[in-house]
N, C-alpha and C. Protein backbone atom coordinates (compact mmCIF):
# COMPACT_ATOMS: atom_id res chain seq x y z
N MET A 1 34.26 -12.92 21.39
CA MET A 1 33.40 -12.93 22.56
C MET A 1 32.78 -11.56 22.70
N VAL A 2 33.53 -10.48 22.43
CA VAL A 2 32.96 -9.14 22.53
C VAL A 2 31.82 -8.95 21.50
N LEU A 3 32.05 -9.46 20.32
CA LEU A 3 31.01 -9.32 19.26
C LEU A 3 29.71 -10.05 19.66
N ALA A 4 29.82 -11.20 20.27
CA ALA A 4 28.65 -11.88 20.69
C ALA A 4 27.94 -11.10 21.81
N ASN A 5 28.67 -10.52 22.73
CA ASN A 5 28.10 -9.72 23.79
C ASN A 5 27.38 -8.46 23.19
N GLU A 6 27.97 -7.85 22.18
CA GLU A 6 27.38 -6.63 21.54
C GLU A 6 26.11 -7.03 20.82
N LEU A 7 26.10 -8.18 20.16
CA LEU A 7 24.95 -8.63 19.42
C LEU A 7 23.79 -8.94 20.38
N ARG A 8 24.10 -9.54 21.50
CA ARG A 8 23.09 -9.91 22.50
C ARG A 8 22.44 -8.64 23.11
N HIS A 9 23.21 -7.62 23.35
CA HIS A 9 22.72 -6.45 24.03
C HIS A 9 22.40 -5.28 23.13
N SER A 10 22.53 -5.47 21.84
CA SER A 10 22.18 -4.39 20.94
C SER A 10 20.67 -4.18 20.89
N ARG A 11 20.24 -2.97 20.65
CA ARG A 11 18.86 -2.65 20.55
C ARG A 11 18.33 -3.13 19.22
N ARG A 12 17.13 -3.67 19.24
CA ARG A 12 16.52 -4.12 18.00
C ARG A 12 16.07 -2.92 17.17
N ILE A 13 16.43 -2.91 15.94
CA ILE A 13 15.96 -1.82 15.06
C ILE A 13 14.71 -2.30 14.35
N ASN A 14 13.61 -1.56 14.54
CA ASN A 14 12.38 -1.88 13.89
C ASN A 14 11.74 -0.67 13.32
N SER A 15 10.56 -0.83 12.82
CA SER A 15 9.91 0.32 12.16
C SER A 15 9.46 1.38 13.13
N ALA A 16 9.48 1.14 14.43
CA ALA A 16 9.13 2.18 15.44
C ALA A 16 10.19 3.23 15.45
N ASN A 17 11.36 3.01 14.88
CA ASN A 17 12.39 4.03 14.86
C ASN A 17 12.35 4.86 13.58
N ASN A 18 11.37 4.62 12.74
CA ASN A 18 11.25 5.45 11.48
C ASN A 18 10.91 6.87 11.83
N PRO A 19 11.30 7.85 11.06
CA PRO A 19 10.99 9.22 11.33
C PRO A 19 9.50 9.47 11.21
N VAL A 20 9.01 10.51 11.85
CA VAL A 20 7.59 10.80 11.87
C VAL A 20 7.06 11.15 10.46
N TRP A 21 7.83 11.74 9.61
CA TRP A 21 7.34 12.05 8.28
C TRP A 21 6.95 10.80 7.50
N MET A 22 7.62 9.67 7.79
CA MET A 22 7.24 8.42 7.12
C MET A 22 5.85 7.96 7.51
N ASP A 23 5.50 8.19 8.83
CA ASP A 23 4.16 7.88 9.22
C ASP A 23 3.12 8.74 8.54
N GLY A 24 3.44 10.01 8.37
CA GLY A 24 2.52 10.95 7.62
C GLY A 24 2.37 10.47 6.19
N LEU A 25 3.47 10.07 5.57
CA LEU A 25 3.42 9.62 4.17
C LEU A 25 2.63 8.33 4.08
N ARG A 26 2.75 7.39 5.06
CA ARG A 26 1.94 6.20 5.06
C ARG A 26 0.46 6.50 5.21
N ILE A 27 0.12 7.43 6.06
CA ILE A 27 -1.26 7.82 6.26
C ILE A 27 -1.82 8.47 5.00
N LEU A 28 -1.02 9.32 4.35
CA LEU A 28 -1.52 9.91 3.07
C LEU A 28 -1.67 8.88 2.00
N LEU A 29 -0.80 7.89 1.94
CA LEU A 29 -0.94 6.81 0.99
C LEU A 29 -2.22 6.03 1.19
N GLY A 30 -2.51 5.69 2.48
CA GLY A 30 -3.69 4.96 2.81
C GLY A 30 -4.97 5.76 2.44
N LEU A 31 -4.94 7.06 2.77
CA LEU A 31 -6.09 7.91 2.43
C LEU A 31 -6.29 8.03 0.96
N PHE A 32 -5.20 8.16 0.21
CA PHE A 32 -5.33 8.24 -1.24
C PHE A 32 -5.94 6.95 -1.81
N LEU A 33 -5.48 5.81 -1.33
CA LEU A 33 -6.04 4.51 -1.83
C LEU A 33 -7.50 4.39 -1.47
N PHE A 34 -7.89 4.89 -0.27
CA PHE A 34 -9.26 4.85 0.15
C PHE A 34 -10.14 5.68 -0.76
N VAL A 35 -9.69 6.91 -1.03
CA VAL A 35 -10.43 7.86 -1.90
C VAL A 35 -10.51 7.27 -3.30
N LYS A 36 -9.40 6.61 -3.77
CA LYS A 36 -9.44 6.02 -5.11
C LYS A 36 -10.48 4.90 -5.18
N GLY A 37 -10.59 4.13 -4.10
CA GLY A 37 -11.61 3.06 -4.01
C GLY A 37 -12.97 3.59 -4.07
N VAL A 38 -13.25 4.67 -3.32
CA VAL A 38 -14.54 5.31 -3.41
C VAL A 38 -14.86 5.91 -4.74
N PHE A 39 -13.82 6.45 -5.40
CA PHE A 39 -13.94 6.98 -6.74
C PHE A 39 -14.36 5.84 -7.72
N PHE A 40 -13.72 4.69 -7.55
CA PHE A 40 -14.13 3.54 -8.38
C PHE A 40 -15.56 3.16 -8.22
N LEU A 41 -16.05 3.20 -7.01
CA LEU A 41 -17.48 2.86 -6.73
C LEU A 41 -18.38 3.94 -7.33
N GLU A 42 -17.99 5.20 -7.26
CA GLU A 42 -18.84 6.25 -7.79
C GLU A 42 -18.92 6.19 -9.35
N HIS A 43 -17.82 5.83 -9.91
CA HIS A 43 -17.76 5.77 -11.41
C HIS A 43 -17.60 4.33 -11.88
N ILE A 44 -18.55 3.51 -11.43
CA ILE A 44 -18.40 2.08 -11.66
C ILE A 44 -18.61 1.74 -13.15
N SER A 45 -19.41 2.52 -13.89
CA SER A 45 -19.57 2.24 -15.29
C SER A 45 -18.30 2.48 -16.10
N ASP A 46 -17.59 3.53 -15.71
CA ASP A 46 -16.27 3.79 -16.39
C ASP A 46 -15.27 2.70 -16.15
N VAL A 47 -15.20 2.30 -14.91
CA VAL A 47 -14.28 1.21 -14.53
C VAL A 47 -14.62 -0.09 -15.18
N PHE A 48 -15.99 -0.40 -15.22
CA PHE A 48 -16.47 -1.59 -15.91
C PHE A 48 -16.12 -1.56 -17.40
N GLN A 49 -16.25 -0.37 -17.97
CA GLN A 49 -15.88 -0.23 -19.43
C GLN A 49 -14.42 -0.49 -19.67
N LEU A 50 -13.55 -0.01 -18.75
CA LEU A 50 -12.13 -0.20 -18.92
C LEU A 50 -11.78 -1.70 -18.79
N PHE A 51 -12.38 -2.39 -17.77
CA PHE A 51 -12.13 -3.81 -17.61
C PHE A 51 -12.67 -4.61 -18.78
N GLY A 52 -13.85 -4.18 -19.34
CA GLY A 52 -14.47 -4.84 -20.47
C GLY A 52 -13.71 -4.67 -21.73
N ALA A 53 -12.98 -3.58 -21.87
CA ALA A 53 -12.25 -3.38 -23.13
C ALA A 53 -11.06 -4.31 -23.22
N VAL A 54 -10.51 -4.69 -22.11
CA VAL A 54 -9.37 -5.59 -22.08
C VAL A 54 -9.84 -7.05 -22.23
N GLN A 55 -10.85 -7.40 -21.44
CA GLN A 55 -11.35 -8.75 -21.48
C GLN A 55 -12.74 -8.74 -22.07
N GLY A 56 -13.30 -9.89 -22.25
CA GLY A 56 -14.72 -9.98 -22.68
C GLY A 56 -15.59 -9.50 -21.54
N ILE A 57 -16.72 -8.94 -21.81
CA ILE A 57 -17.60 -8.42 -20.83
C ILE A 57 -18.01 -9.51 -19.83
N SER A 58 -18.21 -10.74 -20.31
CA SER A 58 -18.62 -11.84 -19.41
C SER A 58 -17.52 -12.26 -18.49
N GLN A 59 -16.25 -11.99 -18.85
CA GLN A 59 -15.14 -12.43 -18.05
C GLN A 59 -14.73 -11.47 -16.97
N THR A 60 -15.22 -10.24 -16.98
CA THR A 60 -14.86 -9.26 -15.98
C THR A 60 -15.50 -9.57 -14.65
N GLY A 61 -16.67 -10.10 -14.66
CA GLY A 61 -17.35 -10.46 -13.38
C GLY A 61 -17.45 -9.30 -12.44
N LYS A 62 -16.96 -9.50 -11.26
CA LYS A 62 -17.02 -8.47 -10.24
C LYS A 62 -15.64 -7.84 -9.98
N ALA A 63 -14.82 -7.78 -10.99
CA ALA A 63 -13.45 -7.31 -10.84
C ALA A 63 -13.46 -5.85 -10.36
N HIS A 64 -14.40 -5.04 -10.86
CA HIS A 64 -14.42 -3.66 -10.46
C HIS A 64 -14.80 -3.48 -8.99
N ILE A 65 -15.69 -4.33 -8.50
CA ILE A 65 -16.04 -4.23 -7.06
C ILE A 65 -14.89 -4.71 -6.22
N LEU A 66 -14.25 -5.82 -6.64
CA LEU A 66 -13.09 -6.32 -5.90
C LEU A 66 -11.99 -5.27 -5.87
N THR A 67 -11.74 -4.60 -6.97
CA THR A 67 -10.70 -3.60 -7.04
C THR A 67 -11.01 -2.45 -6.06
N SER A 68 -12.23 -1.99 -6.06
CA SER A 68 -12.60 -0.89 -5.17
C SER A 68 -12.59 -1.32 -3.72
N MET A 69 -13.01 -2.54 -3.39
CA MET A 69 -12.97 -2.98 -2.00
C MET A 69 -11.57 -3.17 -1.51
N VAL A 70 -10.68 -3.66 -2.37
CA VAL A 70 -9.27 -3.81 -1.94
C VAL A 70 -8.70 -2.42 -1.64
N HIS A 71 -9.01 -1.41 -2.46
CA HIS A 71 -8.50 -0.08 -2.24
C HIS A 71 -9.15 0.55 -0.97
N ILE A 72 -10.40 0.33 -0.76
CA ILE A 72 -11.12 0.99 0.40
C ILE A 72 -10.60 0.35 1.69
N VAL A 73 -10.73 -0.99 1.84
CA VAL A 73 -10.29 -1.68 3.07
C VAL A 73 -8.82 -1.55 3.26
N GLY A 74 -8.06 -1.86 2.23
CA GLY A 74 -6.61 -1.75 2.30
C GLY A 74 -6.14 -0.38 2.65
N GLY A 75 -6.75 0.64 2.00
CA GLY A 75 -6.32 2.03 2.28
C GLY A 75 -6.56 2.41 3.73
N LEU A 76 -7.69 2.00 4.31
CA LEU A 76 -7.96 2.30 5.74
C LEU A 76 -6.94 1.54 6.63
N MET A 77 -6.68 0.27 6.25
CA MET A 77 -5.69 -0.46 7.06
C MET A 77 -4.31 0.16 7.02
N ILE A 78 -3.93 0.62 5.86
CA ILE A 78 -2.62 1.32 5.67
C ILE A 78 -2.60 2.57 6.48
N ALA A 79 -3.66 3.38 6.40
CA ALA A 79 -3.74 4.68 7.06
C ALA A 79 -3.66 4.52 8.59
N PHE A 80 -4.33 3.50 9.12
CA PHE A 80 -4.28 3.23 10.54
C PHE A 80 -3.09 2.43 10.95
N GLY A 81 -2.45 1.78 10.06
CA GLY A 81 -1.28 0.99 10.37
C GLY A 81 -1.62 -0.38 10.92
N MET A 82 -2.72 -0.91 10.54
CA MET A 82 -3.21 -2.21 11.05
C MET A 82 -2.91 -3.32 9.99
N LEU A 83 -2.09 -4.28 10.38
CA LEU A 83 -1.63 -5.29 9.46
C LEU A 83 -1.15 -4.68 8.18
N THR A 84 -0.29 -3.74 8.27
CA THR A 84 0.13 -2.86 7.25
C THR A 84 0.72 -3.64 6.03
N ARG A 85 1.65 -4.49 6.34
CA ARG A 85 2.29 -5.22 5.23
C ARG A 85 1.38 -6.13 4.49
N LEU A 86 0.41 -6.71 5.17
CA LEU A 86 -0.62 -7.51 4.54
C LEU A 86 -1.50 -6.65 3.60
N ALA A 87 -1.90 -5.52 4.12
CA ALA A 87 -2.67 -4.61 3.28
C ALA A 87 -1.91 -4.10 2.08
N LEU A 88 -0.64 -3.84 2.25
CA LEU A 88 0.22 -3.38 1.13
C LEU A 88 0.36 -4.51 0.11
N LEU A 89 0.54 -5.70 0.61
CA LEU A 89 0.66 -6.88 -0.29
C LEU A 89 -0.59 -7.07 -1.11
N CYS A 90 -1.73 -6.85 -0.56
CA CYS A 90 -3.00 -6.97 -1.30
C CYS A 90 -3.17 -5.85 -2.38
N GLN A 91 -2.48 -4.75 -2.20
CA GLN A 91 -2.62 -3.65 -3.12
C GLN A 91 -1.77 -3.90 -4.39
N ILE A 92 -0.72 -4.71 -4.27
CA ILE A 92 0.25 -4.85 -5.37
C ILE A 92 -0.42 -5.44 -6.62
N PRO A 93 -1.23 -6.52 -6.57
CA PRO A 93 -1.85 -7.00 -7.78
C PRO A 93 -2.75 -5.95 -8.47
N VAL A 94 -3.47 -5.17 -7.68
CA VAL A 94 -4.35 -4.16 -8.28
C VAL A 94 -3.53 -3.10 -8.97
N LEU A 95 -2.44 -2.64 -8.37
CA LEU A 95 -1.62 -1.59 -8.99
C LEU A 95 -0.80 -2.12 -10.15
N VAL A 96 -0.39 -3.40 -10.11
CA VAL A 96 0.29 -3.96 -11.27
C VAL A 96 -0.68 -4.10 -12.42
N GLY A 97 -1.94 -4.48 -12.14
CA GLY A 97 -2.97 -4.55 -13.14
C GLY A 97 -3.21 -3.19 -13.74
N ALA A 98 -3.20 -2.13 -12.93
CA ALA A 98 -3.42 -0.80 -13.45
C ALA A 98 -2.18 -0.35 -14.31
N LEU A 99 -1.01 -0.79 -13.94
CA LEU A 99 0.14 -0.49 -14.76
C LEU A 99 0.07 -1.16 -16.12
N LEU A 100 -0.34 -2.40 -16.13
CA LEU A 100 -0.33 -3.19 -17.40
C LEU A 100 -1.57 -3.01 -18.23
N ILE A 101 -2.73 -2.74 -17.65
CA ILE A 101 -3.93 -2.66 -18.40
C ILE A 101 -4.44 -1.21 -18.62
N VAL A 102 -4.67 -0.48 -17.54
CA VAL A 102 -5.33 0.79 -17.64
C VAL A 102 -4.39 1.84 -18.13
N GLY A 103 -3.17 1.91 -17.60
CA GLY A 103 -2.21 2.97 -17.95
C GLY A 103 -1.92 3.10 -19.43
N PRO A 104 -1.43 2.04 -20.10
CA PRO A 104 -1.08 2.12 -21.52
C PRO A 104 -2.33 2.28 -22.36
N GLN A 105 -3.51 1.80 -21.90
CA GLN A 105 -4.72 1.85 -22.69
C GLN A 105 -5.22 3.30 -22.88
N GLN A 106 -5.10 4.12 -21.78
CA GLN A 106 -5.67 5.46 -21.83
C GLN A 106 -5.00 6.36 -22.85
N SER A 107 -3.69 6.54 -22.74
CA SER A 107 -3.04 7.42 -23.74
C SER A 107 -1.60 6.93 -24.04
N GLY A 108 -1.40 5.67 -23.79
CA GLY A 108 -0.10 5.14 -24.11
C GLY A 108 0.96 5.42 -23.02
N ILE A 109 2.15 4.94 -23.20
CA ILE A 109 3.18 5.17 -22.23
C ILE A 109 3.92 6.45 -22.64
N GLN A 110 3.58 7.54 -22.03
CA GLN A 110 4.19 8.82 -22.33
C GLN A 110 4.12 9.70 -21.04
N LEU A 111 4.81 10.75 -21.08
CA LEU A 111 4.96 11.59 -19.90
C LEU A 111 3.70 12.35 -19.59
N ALA A 112 2.78 12.55 -20.53
CA ALA A 112 1.56 13.26 -20.31
C ALA A 112 0.48 12.39 -19.61
N ASN A 113 0.71 11.08 -19.54
CA ASN A 113 -0.23 10.17 -18.92
C ASN A 113 -0.08 10.22 -17.38
N THR A 114 -0.77 11.17 -16.76
CA THR A 114 -0.62 11.36 -15.33
C THR A 114 -1.13 10.20 -14.48
N GLU A 115 -2.14 9.51 -14.98
CA GLU A 115 -2.63 8.34 -14.20
C GLU A 115 -1.60 7.27 -14.15
N LEU A 116 -0.85 7.02 -15.22
CA LEU A 116 0.23 6.07 -15.23
C LEU A 116 1.37 6.50 -14.34
N ILE A 117 1.70 7.75 -14.34
CA ILE A 117 2.79 8.29 -13.47
C ILE A 117 2.39 8.12 -11.99
N LEU A 118 1.13 8.42 -11.68
CA LEU A 118 0.68 8.30 -10.28
C LEU A 118 0.70 6.83 -9.84
N THR A 119 0.32 5.96 -10.75
CA THR A 119 0.30 4.54 -10.43
C THR A 119 1.73 4.04 -10.18
N VAL A 120 2.69 4.47 -10.97
CA VAL A 120 4.09 4.06 -10.78
C VAL A 120 4.56 4.62 -9.43
N PHE A 121 4.26 5.90 -9.11
CA PHE A 121 4.65 6.54 -7.87
C PHE A 121 4.11 5.82 -6.67
N PHE A 122 2.84 5.46 -6.69
CA PHE A 122 2.18 4.79 -5.55
C PHE A 122 2.62 3.34 -5.44
N THR A 123 2.93 2.69 -6.51
CA THR A 123 3.53 1.38 -6.48
C THR A 123 4.88 1.39 -5.82
N GLY A 124 5.68 2.42 -6.10
CA GLY A 124 6.98 2.60 -5.45
C GLY A 124 6.80 2.83 -3.98
N LEU A 125 5.80 3.67 -3.60
CA LEU A 125 5.53 3.90 -2.19
C LEU A 125 5.12 2.63 -1.45
N ILE A 126 4.33 1.82 -2.10
CA ILE A 126 3.88 0.60 -1.51
C ILE A 126 5.07 -0.36 -1.29
N LEU A 127 5.97 -0.46 -2.26
CA LEU A 127 7.17 -1.27 -2.06
C LEU A 127 8.05 -0.71 -0.99
N PHE A 128 8.15 0.61 -0.91
CA PHE A 128 8.97 1.25 0.13
C PHE A 128 8.42 0.90 1.54
N PHE A 129 7.12 1.02 1.74
CA PHE A 129 6.54 0.68 3.07
C PHE A 129 6.54 -0.81 3.34
N MET A 130 6.56 -1.68 2.29
CA MET A 130 6.71 -3.08 2.52
C MET A 130 8.11 -3.40 3.14
N ILE A 131 9.07 -2.64 2.76
CA ILE A 131 10.43 -2.84 3.33
C ILE A 131 10.58 -2.13 4.67
N LYS A 132 10.15 -0.86 4.74
CA LYS A 132 10.42 -0.05 5.96
C LYS A 132 9.47 -0.39 7.12
N GLY A 133 8.27 -0.84 6.84
CA GLY A 133 7.34 -1.13 7.90
C GLY A 133 6.41 0.00 8.19
N PRO A 134 5.47 -0.18 9.12
CA PRO A 134 4.41 0.79 9.42
C PRO A 134 4.78 2.03 10.12
N GLY A 135 5.75 1.96 10.98
CA GLY A 135 6.19 3.14 11.72
C GLY A 135 5.71 3.16 13.19
N ARG A 136 6.04 4.19 13.89
CA ARG A 136 5.75 4.26 15.33
C ARG A 136 4.30 4.61 15.62
N TYR A 137 3.65 5.37 14.75
CA TYR A 137 2.23 5.73 15.04
C TYR A 137 1.34 4.84 14.21
N SER A 138 1.27 3.59 14.61
CA SER A 138 0.48 2.62 13.89
C SER A 138 -0.09 1.61 14.91
N ILE A 139 -1.19 0.96 14.54
CA ILE A 139 -1.74 -0.08 15.38
C ILE A 139 -0.80 -1.23 15.52
N ASP A 140 -0.10 -1.55 14.45
CA ASP A 140 0.88 -2.61 14.47
C ASP A 140 1.91 -2.34 15.60
N ASN A 141 2.38 -1.17 15.72
CA ASN A 141 3.38 -0.84 16.69
C ASN A 141 2.81 -0.77 18.12
N LYS A 142 1.62 -0.20 18.28
CA LYS A 142 1.04 0.01 19.60
C LYS A 142 0.50 -1.27 20.18
N VAL A 143 -0.14 -2.09 19.37
CA VAL A 143 -0.91 -3.23 19.90
C VAL A 143 -0.19 -4.56 19.62
N LEU A 144 0.20 -4.74 18.41
CA LEU A 144 0.71 -6.09 18.01
C LEU A 144 2.14 -6.33 18.38
N ARG A 145 2.94 -5.32 18.46
CA ARG A 145 4.37 -5.50 18.72
C ARG A 145 4.57 -5.68 20.23
N GLN A 146 5.20 -6.76 20.62
CA GLN A 146 5.45 -6.96 22.03
C GLN A 146 6.62 -6.10 22.52
N ARG A 147 6.41 -5.51 23.66
CA ARG A 147 7.50 -4.70 24.26
C ARG A 147 8.53 -5.57 24.91
N GLN A 148 9.79 -5.23 24.63
CA GLN A 148 10.87 -5.96 25.25
C GLN A 148 11.49 -5.11 26.35
N PRO A 149 11.61 -5.64 27.55
CA PRO A 149 12.25 -4.81 28.57
C PRO A 149 13.71 -4.52 28.22
N GLU A 150 14.08 -3.31 28.48
CA GLU A 150 15.42 -2.87 28.15
C GLU A 150 16.34 -3.28 29.33
N THR A 151 17.49 -3.85 28.95
CA THR A 151 18.43 -4.28 29.94
C THR A 151 19.58 -3.30 30.02
N GLU A 152 20.07 -3.13 31.20
CA GLU A 152 21.22 -2.20 31.33
C GLU A 152 22.46 -2.94 31.04
N VAL A 153 23.41 -2.21 30.41
CA VAL A 153 24.69 -2.87 30.06
C VAL A 153 25.69 -2.67 31.11
């Protein structure tokens, strides 16, 4: 009976209890993805060449524009903390594609391949924030999360 009472009155643990440094890391992750998307748009011929080397030129279609738009829109959503887990989920196929296609193609799987190391690092960060959540300084926490009145014990 005591356990049931404790479970009923225990505070809910959510991502609003995350430390502030996690919010800063999430914002930096979103800004990095945004800048990477803008970089893809600026160097569209290089990105198109990378996609074309793996597939036939006719099969690439608009993959380079889709990749950059996912990074730009998703990066801003992650930085502001708006529908964060959905934005992170949309980033996973792009980063897995970068791990499988672009990384080994540039200079192989070795320690000197900084692009591959960065991709692995940011994929890990995305998985980390998929688990931990957006944090207290996010639109998800301020607007979308319903406040529960605290009850006295």
